[in-house]
N, C-alpha and C. Protein backbone atom coordinates (compact mmCIF):
# COMPACT_ATOMS: atom_id res chain seq x y z
N MET A 1 123.70 81.66 92.34
CA MET A 1 122.75 82.39 93.17
C MET A 1 122.91 81.89 94.59
N SER A 2 123.41 82.75 95.45
CA SER A 2 123.55 82.39 96.85
C SER A 2 122.23 82.60 97.57
N SER A 3 121.73 81.54 98.17
CA SER A 3 120.45 81.67 98.88
C SER A 3 120.66 82.14 100.31
N ASN A 4 121.90 82.52 100.65
CA ASN A 4 122.17 83.01 102.00
C ASN A 4 121.88 84.50 102.14
N THR A 5 121.84 85.22 101.04
CA THR A 5 121.58 86.65 101.09
C THR A 5 120.07 86.89 101.07
N PRO A 6 119.62 88.05 101.53
CA PRO A 6 118.18 88.34 101.45
C PRO A 6 117.65 88.23 100.01
N GLU A 7 118.41 88.76 99.04
CA GLU A 7 117.98 88.68 97.65
C GLU A 7 117.99 87.23 97.16
N GLY A 8 118.98 86.47 97.56
CA GLY A 8 119.06 85.06 97.18
C GLY A 8 117.87 84.26 97.68
N LYS A 9 117.42 84.58 98.89
CA LYS A 9 116.25 83.88 99.45
C LYS A 9 114.99 84.20 98.65
N VAL A 10 114.85 85.44 98.22
CA VAL A 10 113.70 85.82 97.40
C VAL A 10 113.77 85.11 96.05
N LYS A 11 114.96 85.06 95.44
CA LYS A 11 115.13 84.38 94.15
C LYS A 11 114.76 82.91 94.26
N THR A 12 115.24 82.26 95.30
CA THR A 12 114.93 80.83 95.48
C THR A 12 113.44 80.62 95.66
N ALA A 13 112.79 81.45 96.45
CA ALA A 13 111.35 81.32 96.68
C ALA A 13 110.57 81.53 95.37
N ILE A 14 110.98 82.50 94.57
CA ILE A 14 110.28 82.77 93.30
C ILE A 14 110.51 81.62 92.33
N LYS A 15 111.73 81.13 92.24
CA LYS A 15 112.02 80.00 91.35
C LYS A 15 111.16 78.79 91.72
N ASN A 16 111.05 78.50 93.00
CA ASN A 16 110.23 77.38 93.47
C ASN A 16 108.75 77.60 93.16
N MET A 17 108.27 78.82 93.33
CA MET A 17 106.87 79.14 93.04
C MET A 17 106.57 78.94 91.56
N ILE A 18 107.46 79.40 90.70
CA ILE A 18 107.24 79.25 89.26
C ILE A 18 107.18 77.78 88.88
N LYS A 19 108.11 76.98 89.40
CA LYS A 19 108.12 75.54 89.11
C LYS A 19 106.81 74.88 89.54
N LYS A 20 106.32 75.27 90.71
CA LYS A 20 105.11 74.64 91.27
C LYS A 20 103.83 75.16 90.62
N ASP A 21 103.69 76.48 90.52
CA ASP A 21 102.42 77.08 90.10
C ASP A 21 102.31 77.32 88.60
N PHE A 22 103.44 77.36 87.90
CA PHE A 22 103.44 77.62 86.45
C PHE A 22 104.36 76.60 85.77
N PRO A 23 104.04 75.32 85.87
CA PRO A 23 104.96 74.27 85.39
C PRO A 23 105.22 74.33 83.88
N ASP A 24 104.35 74.98 83.12
CA ASP A 24 104.56 75.08 81.67
C ASP A 24 105.49 76.23 81.29
N ALA A 25 105.87 77.04 82.24
CA ALA A 25 106.75 78.18 81.96
C ALA A 25 108.17 77.69 81.70
N VAL A 26 108.81 78.33 80.75
CA VAL A 26 110.24 78.10 80.51
C VAL A 26 110.98 79.21 81.25
N VAL A 27 111.90 78.81 82.12
CA VAL A 27 112.61 79.78 82.95
C VAL A 27 114.12 79.64 82.73
N VAL A 28 114.76 80.77 82.47
CA VAL A 28 116.21 80.80 82.33
C VAL A 28 116.75 81.78 83.36
N THR A 29 117.79 81.37 84.05
CA THR A 29 118.46 82.26 85.00
C THR A 29 119.86 82.55 84.46
N PRO A 30 120.01 83.67 83.77
CA PRO A 30 121.31 83.99 83.17
C PRO A 30 122.41 84.08 84.22
N MET A 31 123.56 83.57 83.86
CA MET A 31 124.71 83.59 84.76
C MET A 31 125.60 84.77 84.40
N ALA A 32 126.07 85.47 85.40
CA ALA A 32 127.01 86.57 85.17
C ALA A 32 128.38 85.98 84.85
N GLY A 33 129.08 86.63 83.99
CA GLY A 33 130.42 86.15 83.64
C GLY A 33 131.01 86.96 82.51
N ARG A 34 132.16 86.54 82.07
CA ARG A 34 132.92 87.24 81.04
C ARG A 34 132.14 87.43 79.75
N PHE A 35 131.34 86.45 79.39
CA PHE A 35 130.66 86.48 78.11
C PHE A 35 129.17 86.85 78.23
N SER A 36 128.76 87.26 79.40
CA SER A 36 127.35 87.60 79.60
C SER A 36 127.13 89.10 79.36
N GLN A 37 125.87 89.45 79.21
CA GLN A 37 125.50 90.86 79.04
C GLN A 37 125.12 91.43 80.39
N ALA A 38 125.77 92.49 80.78
CA ALA A 38 125.48 93.13 82.07
C ALA A 38 124.07 93.71 82.05
N GLY A 39 123.38 93.61 83.18
CA GLY A 39 122.06 94.20 83.31
C GLY A 39 120.91 93.28 82.99
N VAL A 40 121.19 92.10 82.44
CA VAL A 40 120.10 91.17 82.11
C VAL A 40 119.41 90.74 83.40
N SER A 41 118.10 90.61 83.34
CA SER A 41 117.30 90.30 84.53
C SER A 41 117.63 88.93 85.11
N ASP A 42 117.24 88.74 86.37
CA ASP A 42 117.52 87.50 87.09
C ASP A 42 116.79 86.30 86.50
N PHE A 43 115.56 86.51 86.05
CA PHE A 43 114.78 85.43 85.44
C PHE A 43 114.26 85.90 84.09
N ILE A 44 114.51 85.11 83.07
CA ILE A 44 113.92 85.31 81.76
C ILE A 44 112.92 84.17 81.60
N VAL A 45 111.66 84.53 81.38
CA VAL A 45 110.58 83.54 81.38
C VAL A 45 109.79 83.64 80.08
N CYS A 46 109.42 82.49 79.55
CA CYS A 46 108.46 82.45 78.45
C CYS A 46 107.26 81.67 78.97
N TYR A 47 106.12 82.34 79.00
CA TYR A 47 104.91 81.70 79.53
C TYR A 47 103.71 82.17 78.73
N LYS A 48 102.94 81.20 78.23
CA LYS A 48 101.75 81.50 77.43
C LYS A 48 102.08 82.41 76.24
N GLY A 49 103.26 82.21 75.66
CA GLY A 49 103.65 82.99 74.49
C GLY A 49 104.19 84.37 74.80
N ARG A 50 104.37 84.69 76.05
CA ARG A 50 104.86 86.02 76.44
C ARG A 50 106.30 85.94 76.93
N PHE A 51 107.07 86.93 76.57
CA PHE A 51 108.45 87.08 77.05
C PHE A 51 108.38 87.93 78.31
N ILE A 52 108.96 87.43 79.40
CA ILE A 52 108.89 88.12 80.69
C ILE A 52 110.30 88.23 81.28
N ALA A 53 110.66 89.40 81.73
CA ALA A 53 111.92 89.62 82.43
C ALA A 53 111.58 90.01 83.87
N LEU A 54 112.10 89.25 84.82
CA LEU A 54 111.88 89.54 86.24
C LEU A 54 113.22 89.88 86.88
N GLU A 55 113.32 91.08 87.39
CA GLU A 55 114.49 91.49 88.16
C GLU A 55 114.10 91.37 89.62
N ILE A 56 114.88 90.63 90.38
CA ILE A 56 114.55 90.34 91.77
C ILE A 56 115.43 91.18 92.68
N LYS A 57 114.79 91.78 93.66
CA LYS A 57 115.49 92.59 94.66
C LYS A 57 114.96 92.26 96.04
N ALA A 58 115.84 92.37 97.02
CA ALA A 58 115.41 92.29 98.41
C ALA A 58 114.80 93.65 98.76
N ILE A 59 114.01 93.69 99.80
CA ILE A 59 113.42 94.95 100.24
C ILE A 59 114.55 95.98 100.41
N GLY A 60 114.35 97.14 99.82
CA GLY A 60 115.35 98.20 99.89
C GLY A 60 116.37 98.15 98.76
N GLY A 61 116.34 97.08 97.95
CA GLY A 61 117.28 96.96 96.84
C GLY A 61 116.94 97.95 95.73
N LYS A 62 117.93 98.39 95.02
CA LYS A 62 117.75 99.37 93.95
C LYS A 62 118.25 98.80 92.63
N LEU A 63 117.59 99.20 91.54
CA LEU A 63 118.02 98.81 90.20
C LEU A 63 119.26 99.59 89.80
N SER A 64 120.18 98.92 89.11
CA SER A 64 121.28 99.64 88.50
C SER A 64 120.78 100.28 87.21
N GLN A 65 121.55 101.18 86.65
CA GLN A 65 121.15 101.80 85.38
C GLN A 65 121.05 100.75 84.28
N LEU A 66 121.96 99.78 84.27
CA LEU A 66 121.93 98.74 83.25
C LEU A 66 120.69 97.85 83.40
N GLN A 67 120.32 97.53 84.63
CA GLN A 67 119.12 96.72 84.86
C GLN A 67 117.87 97.47 84.41
N SER A 68 117.80 98.73 84.74
CA SER A 68 116.66 99.55 84.35
C SER A 68 116.57 99.65 82.82
N ALA A 69 117.70 99.85 82.17
CA ALA A 69 117.73 99.94 80.71
C ALA A 69 117.28 98.63 80.07
N PHE A 70 117.69 97.50 80.64
CA PHE A 70 117.27 96.20 80.09
C PHE A 70 115.76 96.04 80.21
N LEU A 71 115.20 96.35 81.36
CA LEU A 71 113.75 96.24 81.54
C LEU A 71 113.00 97.14 80.57
N ASP A 72 113.50 98.33 80.36
CA ASP A 72 112.89 99.26 79.40
C ASP A 72 112.90 98.67 77.99
N LYS A 73 114.02 98.05 77.60
CA LYS A 73 114.12 97.45 76.27
C LYS A 73 113.11 96.32 76.09
N VAL A 74 112.92 95.53 77.14
CA VAL A 74 111.95 94.43 77.08
C VAL A 74 110.55 94.99 76.84
N ILE A 75 110.20 96.04 77.55
CA ILE A 75 108.88 96.66 77.40
C ILE A 75 108.70 97.22 75.99
N VAL A 76 109.70 97.92 75.49
CA VAL A 76 109.63 98.50 74.15
C VAL A 76 109.46 97.38 73.10
N ALA A 77 110.08 96.23 73.35
CA ALA A 77 110.00 95.10 72.42
C ALA A 77 108.68 94.33 72.54
N GLY A 78 107.84 94.71 73.49
CA GLY A 78 106.53 94.06 73.62
C GLY A 78 106.44 93.01 74.71
N GLY A 79 107.50 92.85 75.50
CA GLY A 79 107.47 91.88 76.58
C GLY A 79 106.97 92.49 77.88
N LEU A 80 106.88 91.66 78.88
CA LEU A 80 106.55 92.12 80.23
C LEU A 80 107.84 92.22 81.02
N ALA A 81 107.97 93.24 81.83
CA ALA A 81 109.16 93.42 82.65
C ALA A 81 108.73 93.93 84.02
N ALA A 82 109.35 93.39 85.05
CA ALA A 82 108.96 93.81 86.40
C ALA A 82 110.12 93.65 87.37
N VAL A 83 110.10 94.49 88.38
CA VAL A 83 110.99 94.35 89.52
C VAL A 83 110.13 93.73 90.62
N CYS A 84 110.58 92.62 91.18
CA CYS A 84 109.80 91.91 92.20
C CYS A 84 110.60 91.82 93.49
N PHE A 85 109.91 92.15 94.59
CA PHE A 85 110.53 92.10 95.91
C PHE A 85 110.06 90.89 96.71
N ASN A 86 109.09 90.15 96.16
CA ASN A 86 108.59 88.96 96.86
C ASN A 86 107.87 88.04 95.88
N VAL A 87 107.50 86.88 96.38
CA VAL A 87 106.86 85.86 95.55
C VAL A 87 105.53 86.34 94.98
N GLU A 88 104.74 87.02 95.76
CA GLU A 88 103.41 87.45 95.30
C GLU A 88 103.50 88.41 94.12
N GLU A 89 104.48 89.29 94.13
CA GLU A 89 104.65 90.21 93.00
C GLU A 89 104.99 89.44 91.73
N ALA A 90 105.86 88.46 91.84
CA ALA A 90 106.22 87.65 90.67
C ALA A 90 105.02 86.84 90.19
N ARG A 91 104.26 86.28 91.12
CA ARG A 91 103.07 85.50 90.76
C ARG A 91 102.08 86.36 89.97
N LYS A 92 101.87 87.60 90.39
CA LYS A 92 100.93 88.49 89.71
C LYS A 92 101.37 88.77 88.28
N VAL A 93 102.66 88.90 88.04
CA VAL A 93 103.15 89.14 86.67
C VAL A 93 102.82 87.94 85.79
N LEU A 94 103.09 86.74 86.27
CA LEU A 94 102.80 85.54 85.47
C LEU A 94 101.30 85.33 85.30
N GLN A 95 100.52 85.67 86.31
CA GLN A 95 99.07 85.52 86.19
C GLN A 95 98.50 86.44 85.12
N LYS A 96 99.13 87.58 84.86
CA LYS A 96 98.69 88.45 83.78
C LYS A 96 98.68 87.71 82.45
N CYS A 97 99.63 86.81 82.28
CA CYS A 97 99.71 86.04 81.03
C CYS A 97 98.60 85.00 80.95
N SER A 98 98.15 84.50 82.07
CA SER A 98 97.09 83.51 82.10
C SER A 98 95.77 84.12 81.64
N LYS A 99 95.61 85.42 81.90
CA LYS A 99 94.35 86.10 81.59
C LYS A 99 94.30 86.60 80.14
N SER A 100 95.48 86.68 79.49
CA SER A 100 95.49 87.21 78.11
C SER A 100 95.07 86.16 77.12
C-alpha cells in the first residue's frame, strides 16, 4: 500500500484509526498477487463478532465490477460492507457493531 497516492493516504489514516479506536478489531489487508482473489476489499475486519469488508477509495474513485461484486457477496452472506472515502465513514461502519 503506497501512502503517496491519495487513496494510500486514506488507507493509512483508516488503518491507524482502527488500531487506535477499535483495538479489539482483527484487521487483514489482503495483498494483490498471483494467488489472490481479484476484487477483495482493502480491509477485512472482524469486530464484535461481525465480518466487515471496507473498500477504500479516494474522492472521485470508482468501484470496479469485481469490487462491487465482492461487497454484494459479503452483504448476502450477512456481513457489513462499505465503500469509504475517509476516516469518519470507516469509523461509522465499525461503530454500528458497537451498538449491536
